[in-house]
Amino acid sequence: MAIASLEQEILDIFDLSAKNYRYKEGIKKIEKIVEIHPELKNESVLSELGFLYDHLALQQKNKLLRNKYEEKAFNLYRGALKKNRESINAIWGIGRIWWHRKNRKAVKYAIKAANLMKKLHGSAGLMLQNVGLVYEALGDIKRAEQWYLRGLKEEPNNFGGYYNLLNFHHKQERREEVQKLLPAFKKLYQKETTKFKKTSWGKDILKKIKELEQFVLLHTKK
């Protein structure tokens, strides 16, 4: 099979595994392909495996096992950076692990990834919001909100951007802000494919929409 076809197969496996939270299953399938075709150990594949490992780590109740998977992810991201020192996914991947650990080291990686995204692609909406996610985890609500708003302003039609900001406002119990943003979020969700809506992530988004609708309704009655 041609390398391009295998790369697409890996991407499809990654996408399906990530959106259905079946990280271990995706890892096994991708590692099996890479074992047969080691030439596929490129920046993208290493970053995708890193993503699956660092998300698999979050599913572990055993701290030692979680640390093991996170270290595996760290190594994969470092491998990706050896292939390309400007690998945005690898840089943010390392930052994401530090974020999951609520470690301030995450800030510099999140900002570096956002700056690179802006430099290479012209806009960095979600990457800017990743900085907000980090600050929120660190308890700096003011800075978190600034980065969330900055990200959505840069990419006003980004589905994920609305999700992050709505989730933030919901946790802060800000009914008016949720009520203001919710219609646009629902409209963007409706535009998503049926395939996406059938994934675990897609179904969770719908649950979130209903939860936000209920939140607005209950707080309006008070």
N, C-alpha and C. Protein backbone atom coordinates (compact mmCIF):
# COMPACT_ATOMS: atom_id res chain seq x y z
N MET A 1 0.84 -1.21 0.00
CA MET A 1 0.00 0.00 0.00
C MET A 1 0.88 1.25 0.00
N ALA A 2 0.50 2.26 -0.77
CA ALA A 2 1.27 3.50 -0.86
C ALA A 2 1.31 4.22 0.48
N ILE A 3 2.42 4.91 0.72
CA ILE A 3 2.60 5.63 1.98
C ILE A 3 1.48 6.64 2.21
N ALA A 4 1.08 7.34 1.15
CA ALA A 4 0.01 8.34 1.28
C ALA A 4 -1.29 7.69 1.75
N SER A 5 -1.57 6.49 1.25
CA SER A 5 -2.80 5.78 1.65
C SER A 5 -2.71 5.36 3.11
N LEU A 6 -1.53 4.92 3.53
CA LEU A 6 -1.34 4.51 4.92
C LEU A 6 -1.45 5.70 5.86
N GLU A 7 -0.91 6.84 5.43
CA GLU A 7 -1.02 8.05 6.25
C GLU A 7 -2.47 8.46 6.43
N GLN A 8 -3.26 8.32 5.36
CA GLN A 8 -4.68 8.64 5.44
C GLN A 8 -5.40 7.66 6.34
N GLU A 9 -5.01 6.38 6.27
CA GLU A 9 -5.61 5.36 7.13
C GLU A 9 -5.34 5.68 8.59
N ILE A 10 -4.10 6.08 8.89
CA ILE A 10 -3.73 6.44 10.25
C ILE A 10 -4.54 7.65 10.72
N LEU A 11 -4.68 8.64 9.84
CA LEU A 11 -5.44 9.84 10.19
C LEU A 11 -6.90 9.49 10.48
N ASP A 12 -7.47 8.59 9.69
CA ASP A 12 -8.86 8.17 9.89
C ASP A 12 -9.02 7.43 11.22
N ILE A 13 -8.04 6.56 11.52
CA ILE A 13 -8.06 5.82 12.79
C ILE A 13 -7.97 6.80 13.96
N PHE A 14 -7.05 7.75 13.83
CA PHE A 14 -6.86 8.75 14.88
C PHE A 14 -8.14 9.54 15.12
N ASP A 15 -8.73 10.03 14.04
CA ASP A 15 -9.93 10.86 14.14
C ASP A 15 -11.08 10.11 14.81
N LEU A 16 -11.31 8.88 14.38
CA LEU A 16 -12.40 8.08 14.93
C LEU A 16 -12.14 7.72 16.40
N SER A 17 -10.90 7.36 16.70
CA SER A 17 -10.53 6.99 18.07
C SER A 17 -10.65 8.17 19.02
N ALA A 18 -10.16 9.33 18.58
CA ALA A 18 -10.18 10.52 19.42
C ALA A 18 -11.60 10.99 19.70
N LYS A 19 -12.43 11.01 18.68
CA LYS A 19 -13.80 11.52 18.84
C LYS A 19 -14.73 10.55 19.56
N ASN A 20 -14.28 9.30 19.72
CA ASN A 20 -15.08 8.32 20.46
C ASN A 20 -14.41 7.88 21.75
N TYR A 21 -13.32 8.58 22.13
CA TYR A 21 -12.60 8.33 23.38
C TYR A 21 -12.04 6.90 23.46
N ARG A 22 -11.81 6.28 22.30
CA ARG A 22 -11.25 4.92 22.28
C ARG A 22 -9.74 5.02 21.99
N TYR A 23 -9.06 5.63 22.94
CA TYR A 23 -7.65 5.95 22.74
C TYR A 23 -6.76 4.72 22.63
N LYS A 24 -6.98 3.75 23.51
CA LYS A 24 -6.15 2.55 23.51
C LYS A 24 -6.31 1.78 22.20
N GLU A 25 -7.54 1.72 21.73
CA GLU A 25 -7.82 1.02 20.47
C GLU A 25 -7.08 1.70 19.31
N GLY A 26 -7.12 3.02 19.29
CA GLY A 26 -6.43 3.77 18.24
C GLY A 26 -4.93 3.58 18.29
N ILE A 27 -4.38 3.59 19.51
CA ILE A 27 -2.94 3.40 19.69
C ILE A 27 -2.50 2.06 19.12
N LYS A 28 -3.22 1.00 19.47
CA LYS A 28 -2.86 -0.35 19.01
C LYS A 28 -2.86 -0.43 17.49
N LYS A 29 -3.89 0.13 16.87
CA LYS A 29 -4.00 0.06 15.41
C LYS A 29 -2.90 0.85 14.71
N ILE A 30 -2.63 2.05 15.21
CA ILE A 30 -1.61 2.89 14.59
C ILE A 30 -0.22 2.32 14.81
N GLU A 31 0.05 1.86 16.03
CA GLU A 31 1.38 1.30 16.32
C GLU A 31 1.64 0.04 15.49
N LYS A 32 0.60 -0.71 15.21
CA LYS A 32 0.75 -1.91 14.38
C LYS A 32 1.17 -1.53 12.96
N ILE A 33 0.56 -0.49 12.42
CA ILE A 33 0.91 -0.02 11.08
C ILE A 33 2.34 0.52 11.05
N VAL A 34 2.69 1.31 12.06
CA VAL A 34 4.01 1.92 12.13
C VAL A 34 5.10 0.87 12.33
N GLU A 35 4.78 -0.20 13.04
CA GLU A 35 5.74 -1.29 13.25
C GLU A 35 6.12 -1.93 11.92
N ILE A 36 5.14 -2.07 11.04
CA ILE A 36 5.39 -2.66 9.72
C ILE A 36 6.02 -1.64 8.78
N HIS A 37 5.66 -0.37 8.96
CA HIS A 37 6.15 0.70 8.09
C HIS A 37 6.79 1.81 8.95
N PRO A 38 8.01 1.57 9.47
CA PRO A 38 8.66 2.56 10.34
C PRO A 38 8.91 3.91 9.67
N GLU A 39 8.89 3.92 8.34
CA GLU A 39 9.10 5.19 7.63
C GLU A 39 7.94 6.17 7.87
N LEU A 40 6.86 5.66 8.47
CA LEU A 40 5.70 6.51 8.77
C LEU A 40 5.85 7.27 10.09
N LYS A 41 6.98 7.08 10.76
CA LYS A 41 7.20 7.79 12.03
C LYS A 41 7.55 9.26 11.75
N ASN A 42 6.61 9.96 11.17
CA ASN A 42 6.83 11.37 10.87
C ASN A 42 6.23 12.25 11.96
N GLU A 43 6.38 13.54 11.79
CA GLU A 43 5.89 14.50 12.79
C GLU A 43 4.40 14.31 13.10
N SER A 44 3.59 14.17 12.06
CA SER A 44 2.14 14.06 12.25
C SER A 44 1.75 12.82 13.02
N VAL A 45 2.30 11.68 12.61
CA VAL A 45 1.95 10.41 13.25
C VAL A 45 2.42 10.38 14.70
N LEU A 46 3.63 10.88 14.95
CA LEU A 46 4.14 10.92 16.32
C LEU A 46 3.27 11.82 17.20
N SER A 47 2.83 12.95 16.65
CA SER A 47 1.97 13.86 17.41
C SER A 47 0.60 13.25 17.68
N GLU A 48 0.08 12.52 16.68
CA GLU A 48 -1.22 11.87 16.84
C GLU A 48 -1.15 10.79 17.92
N LEU A 49 -0.08 10.01 17.90
CA LEU A 49 0.10 8.99 18.94
C LEU A 49 0.25 9.65 20.32
N GLY A 50 0.99 10.76 20.35
CA GLY A 50 1.15 11.49 21.60
C GLY A 50 -0.19 11.95 22.16
N PHE A 51 -1.04 12.46 21.28
CA PHE A 51 -2.39 12.90 21.67
C PHE A 51 -3.17 11.74 22.27
N LEU A 52 -3.14 10.59 21.61
CA LEU A 52 -3.90 9.44 22.10
C LEU A 52 -3.37 8.97 23.46
N TYR A 53 -2.06 8.98 23.62
CA TYR A 53 -1.48 8.56 24.90
C TYR A 53 -1.79 9.56 26.02
N ASP A 54 -1.71 10.87 25.73
CA ASP A 54 -1.96 11.80 26.85
C ASP A 54 -3.44 11.85 27.23
N HIS A 55 -4.31 11.53 26.27
CA HIS A 55 -5.74 11.43 26.61
C HIS A 55 -6.07 10.10 27.29
N LEU A 56 -5.37 9.05 26.89
CA LEU A 56 -5.53 7.76 27.57
C LEU A 56 -5.12 7.89 29.03
N ALA A 57 -4.08 8.68 29.27
CA ALA A 57 -3.60 8.90 30.64
C ALA A 57 -4.71 9.46 31.54
N LEU A 58 -5.54 10.34 30.98
CA LEU A 58 -6.61 10.95 31.76
C LEU A 58 -7.68 9.95 32.18
N GLN A 59 -7.77 8.84 31.47
CA GLN A 59 -8.78 7.83 31.79
C GLN A 59 -8.33 6.90 32.92
N GLN A 60 -7.07 7.04 33.35
CA GLN A 60 -6.52 6.11 34.33
C GLN A 60 -6.74 6.59 35.76
N LYS A 61 -7.23 5.71 36.60
CA LYS A 61 -7.37 6.01 38.02
C LYS A 61 -6.06 5.74 38.76
N ASN A 62 -5.29 4.82 38.21
CA ASN A 62 -3.99 4.48 38.80
C ASN A 62 -2.97 5.55 38.43
N LYS A 63 -2.41 6.21 39.44
CA LYS A 63 -1.49 7.32 39.20
C LYS A 63 -0.23 6.88 38.46
N LEU A 64 0.29 5.71 38.81
CA LEU A 64 1.50 5.22 38.15
C LEU A 64 1.26 4.97 36.67
N LEU A 65 0.09 4.41 36.36
CA LEU A 65 -0.24 4.13 34.97
C LEU A 65 -0.45 5.44 34.20
N ARG A 66 -1.09 6.39 34.86
CA ARG A 66 -1.28 7.69 34.22
C ARG A 66 0.06 8.34 33.90
N ASN A 67 0.98 8.31 34.86
CA ASN A 67 2.31 8.89 34.65
C ASN A 67 3.04 8.17 33.52
N LYS A 68 2.87 6.86 33.45
CA LYS A 68 3.52 6.06 32.40
C LYS A 68 3.06 6.51 31.02
N TYR A 69 1.75 6.67 30.86
CA TYR A 69 1.21 7.09 29.56
C TYR A 69 1.60 8.53 29.23
N GLU A 70 1.66 9.37 30.25
CA GLU A 70 2.07 10.76 30.01
C GLU A 70 3.53 10.83 29.59
N GLU A 71 4.38 10.03 30.20
CA GLU A 71 5.79 10.01 29.80
C GLU A 71 5.94 9.49 28.38
N LYS A 72 5.12 8.51 28.01
CA LYS A 72 5.13 8.00 26.64
C LYS A 72 4.75 9.13 25.68
N ALA A 73 3.73 9.89 26.05
CA ALA A 73 3.30 11.01 25.21
C ALA A 73 4.39 12.07 25.11
N PHE A 74 5.03 12.40 26.24
CA PHE A 74 6.14 13.36 26.22
C PHE A 74 7.19 12.94 25.20
N ASN A 75 7.58 11.67 25.23
CA ASN A 75 8.62 11.17 24.33
C ASN A 75 8.19 11.24 22.87
N LEU A 76 6.94 10.95 22.61
CA LEU A 76 6.43 11.03 21.24
C LEU A 76 6.43 12.47 20.74
N TYR A 77 6.03 13.40 21.59
CA TYR A 77 6.04 14.81 21.20
C TYR A 77 7.47 15.31 20.97
N ARG A 78 8.39 14.87 21.81
CA ARG A 78 9.80 15.27 21.62
C ARG A 78 10.33 14.70 20.31
N GLY A 79 9.89 13.48 19.99
CA GLY A 79 10.28 12.88 18.72
C GLY A 79 9.74 13.68 17.54
N ALA A 80 8.52 14.16 17.67
CA ALA A 80 7.92 14.98 16.61
C ALA A 80 8.69 16.29 16.45
N LEU A 81 9.14 16.86 17.57
CA LEU A 81 9.88 18.12 17.52
C LEU A 81 11.27 17.94 16.90
N LYS A 82 11.81 16.74 16.99
CA LYS A 82 13.09 16.46 16.31
C LYS A 82 12.89 16.45 14.80
N LYS A 83 11.71 16.06 14.38
CA LYS A 83 11.38 16.07 12.95
C LYS A 83 11.11 17.50 12.48
N ASN A 84 10.47 18.27 13.35
CA ASN A 84 10.11 19.65 13.02
C ASN A 84 10.01 20.46 14.31
N ARG A 85 10.98 21.32 14.54
CA ARG A 85 11.01 22.07 15.80
C ARG A 85 9.86 23.07 15.92
N GLU A 86 9.14 23.30 14.80
CA GLU A 86 7.97 24.17 14.84
C GLU A 86 6.67 23.38 14.76
N SER A 87 6.70 22.16 15.25
CA SER A 87 5.49 21.33 15.26
C SER A 87 4.51 21.88 16.31
N ILE A 88 3.48 22.54 15.84
CA ILE A 88 2.51 23.16 16.74
C ILE A 88 1.82 22.12 17.62
N ASN A 89 1.43 21.00 17.01
CA ASN A 89 0.72 19.96 17.76
C ASN A 89 1.60 19.34 18.84
N ALA A 90 2.88 19.21 18.55
CA ALA A 90 3.79 18.64 19.54
C ALA A 90 4.04 19.62 20.69
N ILE A 91 4.23 20.89 20.33
CA ILE A 91 4.46 21.91 21.37
C ILE A 91 3.25 22.00 22.30
N TRP A 92 2.06 22.11 21.71
CA TRP A 92 0.87 22.18 22.55
C TRP A 92 0.63 20.84 23.24
N GLY A 93 1.02 19.74 22.62
CA GLY A 93 0.86 18.44 23.26
C GLY A 93 1.61 18.39 24.59
N ILE A 94 2.85 18.88 24.58
CA ILE A 94 3.63 18.95 25.82
C ILE A 94 2.94 19.89 26.81
N GLY A 95 2.48 21.02 26.30
CA GLY A 95 1.76 21.96 27.16
C GLY A 95 0.49 21.37 27.74
N ARG A 96 -0.18 20.56 26.93
CA ARG A 96 -1.44 19.96 27.39
C ARG A 96 -1.21 19.02 28.58
N ILE A 97 -0.12 18.28 28.53
CA ILE A 97 0.18 17.39 29.66
C ILE A 97 0.44 18.21 30.92
N TRP A 98 1.22 19.29 30.79
CA TRP A 98 1.46 20.15 31.95
C TRP A 98 0.17 20.79 32.43
N TRP A 99 -0.71 21.13 31.48
CA TRP A 99 -2.04 21.67 31.84
C TRP A 99 -2.84 20.64 32.64
N HIS A 100 -2.84 19.40 32.16
CA HIS A 100 -3.56 18.35 32.88
C HIS A 100 -3.01 18.17 34.29
N ARG A 101 -1.73 18.47 34.46
CA ARG A 101 -1.09 18.36 35.78
C ARG A 101 -1.23 19.66 36.58
N LYS A 102 -1.90 20.65 35.99
CA LYS A 102 -2.07 21.97 36.61
C LYS A 102 -0.72 22.58 36.98
N ASN A 103 0.21 22.47 36.04
CA ASN A 103 1.56 22.98 36.23
C ASN A 103 1.75 24.24 35.38
N ARG A 104 2.35 25.28 35.96
CA ARG A 104 2.52 26.56 35.26
C ARG A 104 3.39 26.45 34.01
N LYS A 105 4.14 25.38 33.88
CA LYS A 105 4.95 25.19 32.68
C LYS A 105 4.08 25.19 31.43
N ALA A 106 2.81 24.85 31.61
CA ALA A 106 1.89 24.77 30.47
C ALA A 106 1.72 26.12 29.78
N VAL A 107 1.86 27.21 30.54
CA VAL A 107 1.61 28.55 29.97
C VAL A 107 2.55 28.84 28.81
N LYS A 108 3.85 28.62 29.00
CA LYS A 108 4.80 28.98 27.94
C LYS A 108 4.61 28.13 26.70
N TYR A 109 4.24 26.86 26.88
CA TYR A 109 4.01 26.00 25.72
C TYR A 109 2.74 26.41 24.97
N ALA A 110 1.71 26.76 25.72
CA ALA A 110 0.45 27.18 25.10
C ALA A 110 0.64 28.47 24.30
N ILE A 111 1.37 29.42 24.89
CA ILE A 111 1.61 30.69 24.20
C ILE A 111 2.51 30.49 22.98
N LYS A 112 3.52 29.64 23.13
CA LYS A 112 4.42 29.37 22.00
C LYS A 112 3.66 28.74 20.84
N ALA A 113 2.78 27.78 21.15
CA ALA A 113 1.98 27.12 20.11
C ALA A 113 1.05 28.12 19.43
N ALA A 114 0.44 29.00 20.22
CA ALA A 114 -0.47 30.01 19.67
C ALA A 114 0.27 30.99 18.76
N ASN A 115 1.45 31.42 19.18
CA ASN A 115 2.25 32.34 18.37
C ASN A 115 2.68 31.70 17.06
N LEU A 116 3.05 30.43 17.12
CA LEU A 116 3.45 29.71 15.91
C LEU A 116 2.26 29.53 14.96
N MET A 117 1.11 29.22 15.52
CA MET A 117 -0.09 29.06 14.71
C MET A 117 -0.40 30.37 13.98
N LYS A 118 -0.29 31.47 14.69
CA LYS A 118 -0.53 32.79 14.09
C LYS A 118 0.49 33.06 12.98
N LYS A 119 1.73 32.75 13.25
CA LYS A 119 2.81 33.00 12.30
C LYS A 119 2.67 32.15 11.04
N LEU A 120 2.33 30.89 11.21
CA LEU A 120 2.30 29.96 10.08
C LEU A 120 0.97 29.92 9.35
N HIS A 121 -0.12 30.22 10.06
CA HIS A 121 -1.44 30.05 9.45
C HIS A 121 -2.31 31.31 9.46
N GLY A 122 -1.83 32.39 10.06
CA GLY A 122 -2.56 33.65 10.00
C GLY A 122 -3.56 33.89 11.11
N SER A 123 -4.08 32.83 11.71
CA SER A 123 -5.00 32.98 12.84
C SER A 123 -4.75 31.84 13.82
N ALA A 124 -5.15 32.05 15.07
CA ALA A 124 -4.84 31.06 16.10
C ALA A 124 -5.94 30.96 17.15
N GLY A 125 -7.19 31.00 16.71
CA GLY A 125 -8.31 31.04 17.63
C GLY A 125 -8.28 30.02 18.75
N LEU A 126 -8.33 28.74 18.40
CA LEU A 126 -8.36 27.70 19.43
C LEU A 126 -7.06 27.63 20.21
N MET A 127 -5.95 27.86 19.54
CA MET A 127 -4.66 27.84 20.24
C MET A 127 -4.59 28.98 21.26
N LEU A 128 -5.17 30.12 20.93
CA LEU A 128 -5.24 31.22 21.89
C LEU A 128 -6.10 30.81 23.08
N GLN A 129 -7.18 30.10 22.80
CA GLN A 129 -8.06 29.66 23.89
C GLN A 129 -7.41 28.60 24.76
N ASN A 130 -6.46 27.87 24.19
CA ASN A 130 -5.73 26.89 25.01
C ASN A 130 -5.00 27.57 26.16
N VAL A 131 -4.52 28.79 25.89
CA VAL A 131 -3.87 29.56 26.96
C VAL A 131 -4.91 29.85 28.05
N GLY A 132 -6.14 30.13 27.63
CA GLY A 132 -7.22 30.35 28.58
C GLY A 132 -7.51 29.12 29.41
N LEU A 133 -7.51 27.96 28.76
CA LEU A 133 -7.73 26.71 29.48
C LEU A 133 -6.69 26.51 30.58
N VAL A 134 -5.45 26.84 30.24
CA VAL A 134 -4.36 26.69 31.21
C VAL A 134 -4.56 27.64 32.39
N TYR A 135 -4.82 28.90 32.09
CA TYR A 135 -5.00 29.88 33.17
C TYR A 135 -6.21 29.53 34.04
N GLU A 136 -7.26 29.02 33.43
CA GLU A 136 -8.43 28.61 34.22
C GLU A 136 -8.06 27.49 35.18
N ALA A 137 -7.30 26.52 34.69
CA ALA A 137 -6.87 25.40 35.53
C ALA A 137 -5.99 25.88 36.68
N LEU A 138 -5.25 26.97 36.44
CA LEU A 138 -4.37 27.52 37.46
C LEU A 138 -5.11 28.47 38.41
N GLY A 139 -6.40 28.69 38.12
CA GLY A 139 -7.21 29.53 39.00
C GLY A 139 -7.20 31.01 38.67
N ASP A 140 -6.57 31.38 37.55
CA ASP A 140 -6.52 32.79 37.14
C ASP A 140 -7.68 33.06 36.19
N ILE A 141 -8.85 33.31 36.75
CA ILE A 141 -10.08 33.45 35.98
C ILE A 141 -10.04 34.66 35.05
N LYS A 142 -9.49 35.77 35.52
CA LYS A 142 -9.44 36.99 34.71
C LYS A 142 -8.63 36.77 33.44
N ARG A 143 -7.44 36.22 33.58
CA ARG A 143 -6.62 35.98 32.39
C ARG A 143 -7.24 34.93 31.49
N ALA A 144 -7.84 33.92 32.09
CA ALA A 144 -8.49 32.87 31.31
C ALA A 144 -9.54 33.48 30.40
N GLU A 145 -10.38 34.34 30.96
CA GLU A 145 -11.45 34.96 30.16
C GLU A 145 -10.88 35.81 29.03
N GLN A 146 -9.81 36.52 29.30
CA GLN A 146 -9.19 37.37 28.27
C GLN A 146 -8.74 36.53 27.07
N TRP A 147 -8.15 35.39 27.34
CA TRP A 147 -7.66 34.53 26.26
C TRP A 147 -8.81 33.83 25.54
N TYR A 148 -9.84 33.45 26.27
CA TYR A 148 -11.02 32.85 25.62
C TYR A 148 -11.65 33.84 24.65
N LEU A 149 -11.83 35.07 25.10
CA LEU A 149 -12.45 36.10 24.27
C LEU A 149 -11.57 36.44 23.07
N ARG A 150 -10.29 36.50 23.30
CA ARG A 150 -9.35 36.81 22.22
C ARG A 150 -9.40 35.73 21.13
N GLY A 151 -9.48 34.48 21.56
CA GLY A 151 -9.54 33.38 20.61
C GLY A 151 -10.81 33.41 19.77
N LEU A 152 -11.95 33.65 20.41
CA LEU A 152 -13.21 33.68 19.68
C LEU A 152 -13.29 34.89 18.75
N LYS A 153 -12.71 36.00 19.17
CA LYS A 153 -12.70 37.20 18.33
C LYS A 153 -11.91 36.94 17.06
N GLU A 154 -10.83 36.19 17.18
CA GLU A 154 -9.98 35.92 16.01
C GLU A 154 -10.64 34.92 15.06
N GLU A 155 -11.38 33.98 15.61
CA GLU A 155 -12.08 32.99 14.77
C GLU A 155 -13.53 32.90 15.23
N PRO A 156 -14.36 33.88 14.84
CA PRO A 156 -15.74 33.98 15.35
C PRO A 156 -16.68 32.88 14.90
N ASN A 157 -16.28 32.07 13.94
CA ASN A 157 -17.14 30.98 13.48
C ASN A 157 -16.59 29.61 13.87
N ASN A 158 -15.71 29.61 14.86
CA ASN A 158 -15.09 28.36 15.29
C ASN A 158 -15.96 27.67 16.34
N PHE A 159 -16.40 26.48 16.00
CA PHE A 159 -17.28 25.69 16.86
C PHE A 159 -16.65 25.47 18.24
N GLY A 160 -15.38 25.06 18.25
CA GLY A 160 -14.69 24.80 19.51
C GLY A 160 -14.51 26.05 20.35
N GLY A 161 -14.36 27.19 19.68
CA GLY A 161 -14.20 28.45 20.39
C GLY A 161 -15.43 28.80 21.22
N TYR A 162 -16.59 28.56 20.66
CA TYR A 162 -17.84 28.79 21.40
C TYR A 162 -17.97 27.81 22.55
N TYR A 163 -17.59 26.56 22.29
CA TYR A 163 -17.69 25.54 23.34
C TYR A 163 -16.86 25.94 24.56
N ASN A 164 -15.61 26.33 24.32
CA ASN A 164 -14.72 26.68 25.43
C ASN A 164 -15.24 27.87 26.23
N LEU A 165 -15.68 28.91 25.52
CA LEU A 165 -16.15 30.11 26.22
C LEU A 165 -17.47 29.86 26.94
N LEU A 166 -18.37 29.11 26.32
CA LEU A 166 -19.64 28.77 26.98
C LEU A 166 -19.41 27.92 28.22
N ASN A 167 -18.51 26.96 28.10
CA ASN A 167 -18.20 26.10 29.24
C ASN A 167 -17.63 26.93 30.39
N PHE A 168 -16.78 27.89 30.04
CA PHE A 168 -16.19 28.79 31.04
C PHE A 168 -17.28 29.60 31.74
N HIS A 169 -18.15 30.25 30.96
CA HIS A 169 -19.23 31.07 31.54
C HIS A 169 -20.19 30.22 32.38
N HIS A 170 -20.44 29.00 31.92
CA HIS A 170 -21.34 28.11 32.66
C HIS A 170 -20.77 27.81 34.05
N LYS A 171 -19.49 27.51 34.10
CA LYS A 171 -18.86 27.21 35.39
C LYS A 171 -18.84 28.44 36.31
N GLN A 172 -18.82 29.63 35.69
CA GLN A 172 -18.85 30.87 36.48
C GLN A 172 -20.29 31.31 36.78
N GLU A 173 -21.26 30.49 36.31
CA GLU A 173 -22.69 30.75 36.51
C GLU A 173 -23.12 32.12 35.96
N ARG A 174 -22.69 32.40 34.76
CA ARG A 174 -23.02 33.67 34.10
C ARG A 174 -24.13 33.42 33.08
N ARG A 175 -25.35 33.56 33.53
CA ARG A 175 -26.50 33.24 32.67
C ARG A 175 -26.56 34.11 31.42
N GLU A 176 -26.38 35.42 31.58
CA GLU A 176 -26.53 36.33 30.45
C GLU A 176 -25.52 36.02 29.34
N GLU A 177 -24.30 35.73 29.73
CA GLU A 177 -23.26 35.43 28.75
C GLU A 177 -23.58 34.12 28.02
N VAL A 178 -24.05 33.12 28.78
CA VAL A 178 -24.41 31.84 28.17
C VAL A 178 -25.58 32.04 27.21
N GLN A 179 -26.57 32.76 27.65
CA GLN A 179 -27.76 33.01 26.82
C GLN A 179 -27.39 33.74 25.52
N LYS A 180 -26.44 34.63 25.60
CA LYS A 180 -26.02 35.41 24.44
C LYS A 180 -25.28 34.56 23.40
N LEU A 181 -24.44 33.65 23.86
CA LEU A 181 -23.60 32.87 22.96
C LEU A 181 -24.24 31.57 22.47
N LEU A 182 -25.19 31.06 23.23
CA LEU A 182 -25.76 29.74 22.95
C LEU A 182 -26.38 29.60 21.55
N PRO A 183 -27.15 30.57 21.05
CA PRO A 183 -27.76 30.41 19.72
C PRO A 183 -26.74 30.17 18.61
N ALA A 184 -25.63 30.91 18.64
CA ALA A 184 -24.59 30.74 17.61
C ALA A 184 -23.95 29.36 17.72
N PHE A 185 -23.74 28.91 18.95
CA PHE A 185 -23.15 27.59 19.18
C PHE A 185 -24.06 26.50 18.63
N LYS A 186 -25.35 26.61 18.90
CA LYS A 186 -26.32 25.63 18.41
C LYS A 186 -26.36 25.61 16.88
N LYS A 187 -26.28 26.79 16.29
CA LYS A 187 -26.32 26.89 14.83
C LYS A 187 -25.10 26.21 14.20
N LEU A 188 -23.94 26.41 14.81
CA LEU A 188 -22.72 25.78 14.31
C LEU A 188 -22.79 24.27 14.48
N TYR A 189 -23.37 23.81 15.58
CA TYR A 189 -23.51 22.37 15.80
C TYR A 189 -24.42 21.76 14.74
N GLN A 190 -25.49 22.44 14.41
CA GLN A 190 -26.43 21.93 13.41
C GLN A 190 -25.77 21.77 12.04
N LYS A 191 -24.73 22.55 11.78
CA LYS A 191 -24.03 22.47 10.50
C LYS A 191 -23.05 21.29 10.44
N GLU A 192 -22.77 20.69 11.60
CA GLU A 192 -21.84 19.57 11.63
C GLU A 192 -22.44 18.36 10.90
N THR A 193 -21.57 17.47 10.45
CA THR A 193 -22.02 16.30 9.70
C THR A 193 -22.72 15.30 10.61
N THR A 194 -23.54 14.47 10.01
CA THR A 194 -24.22 13.40 10.76
C THR A 194 -23.19 12.46 11.36
N LYS A 195 -22.11 12.23 10.61
CA LYS A 195 -21.04 11.35 11.08
C LYS A 195 -20.45 11.87 12.39
N PHE A 196 -20.21 13.17 12.46
CA PHE A 196 -19.68 13.76 13.68
C PHE A 196 -20.67 13.65 14.82
N LYS A 197 -21.93 13.94 14.54
CA LYS A 197 -22.96 13.92 15.58
C LYS A 197 -23.15 12.53 16.19
N LYS A 198 -22.76 11.50 15.45
CA LYS A 198 -22.90 10.13 15.95
C LYS A 198 -21.72 9.69 16.80
N THR A 199 -20.65 10.49 16.81
CA THR A 199 -19.50 10.14 17.64
C THR A 199 -19.81 10.45 19.11
N SER A 200 -19.01 9.89 20.00
CA SER A 200 -19.19 10.16 21.43
C SER A 200 -19.04 11.65 21.73
N TRP A 201 -18.06 12.28 21.08
CA TRP A 201 -17.83 13.71 21.27
C TRP A 201 -19.03 14.51 20.76
N GLY A 202 -19.54 14.14 19.59
CA GLY A 202 -20.71 14.82 19.05
C GLY A 202 -21.92 14.69 19.95
N LYS A 203 -22.13 13.51 20.51
CA LYS A 203 -23.26 13.28 21.43
C LYS A 203 -23.08 14.07 22.72
N ASP A 204 -21.84 14.18 23.18
CA ASP A 204 -21.58 14.95 24.40
C ASP A 204 -21.82 16.44 24.17
N ILE A 205 -21.54 16.90 22.95
CA ILE A 205 -21.81 18.30 22.62
C ILE A 205 -23.31 18.57 22.72
N LEU A 206 -24.11 17.65 22.19
CA LEU A 206 -25.57 17.81 22.24
C LEU A 206 -26.06 17.83 23.70
N LYS A 207 -25.48 16.95 24.52
CA LYS A 207 -25.83 16.94 25.95
C LYS A 207 -25.48 18.28 26.60
N LYS A 208 -24.33 18.82 26.19
CA LYS A 208 -23.89 20.11 26.74
C LYS A 208 -24.86 21.22 26.35
N ILE A 209 -25.32 21.19 25.10
CA ILE A 209 -26.28 22.19 24.64
C ILE A 209 -27.55 22.14 25.49
N LYS A 210 -28.05 20.94 25.73
CA LYS A 210 -29.26 20.77 26.53
C LYS A 210 -29.03 21.22 27.97
N GLU A 211 -27.84 20.93 28.48
CA GLU A 211 -27.48 21.36 29.84
C GLU A 211 -27.45 22.88 29.93
N LEU A 212 -26.90 23.53 28.92
CA LEU A 212 -26.84 24.99 28.90
C LEU A 212 -28.23 25.61 28.76
N GLU A 213 -29.06 24.99 27.95
CA GLU A 213 -30.44 25.47 27.80
C GLU A 213 -31.18 25.40 29.13
N GLN A 214 -30.99 24.31 29.85
CA GLN A 214 -31.62 24.14 31.16
C GLN A 214 -31.08 25.15 32.17
N PHE A 215 -29.78 25.40 32.09
CA PHE A 215 -29.14 26.38 32.97
C PHE A 215 -29.75 27.77 32.77
N VAL A 216 -29.90 28.16 31.51
CA VAL A 216 -30.48 29.47 31.19
C VAL A 216 -31.93 29.54 31.68
N LEU A 217 -32.68 28.47 31.45
CA LEU A 217 -34.09 28.43 31.84
C LEU A 217 -34.25 28.55 33.36
N LEU A 218 -33.48 27.78 34.10
CA LEU A 218 -33.59 27.78 35.56
C LEU A 218 -33.18 29.11 36.16
N HIS A 219 -32.11 29.69 35.61
CA HIS A 219 -31.62 30.96 36.17
C HIS A 219 -32.49 32.14 35.74
N THR A 220 -33.23 31.98 34.66
CA THR A 220 -34.15 33.03 34.23
C THR A 220 -35.34 33.11 35.17
N LYS A 221 -35.74 31.95 35.71
CA LYS A 221 -36.90 31.88 36.60
C LYS A 221 -36.62 32.47 37.97
N LYS A 222 -35.34 32.52 38.34
CA LYS A 222 -35.00 32.98 39.69
C LYS A 222 -35.23 34.49 39.85
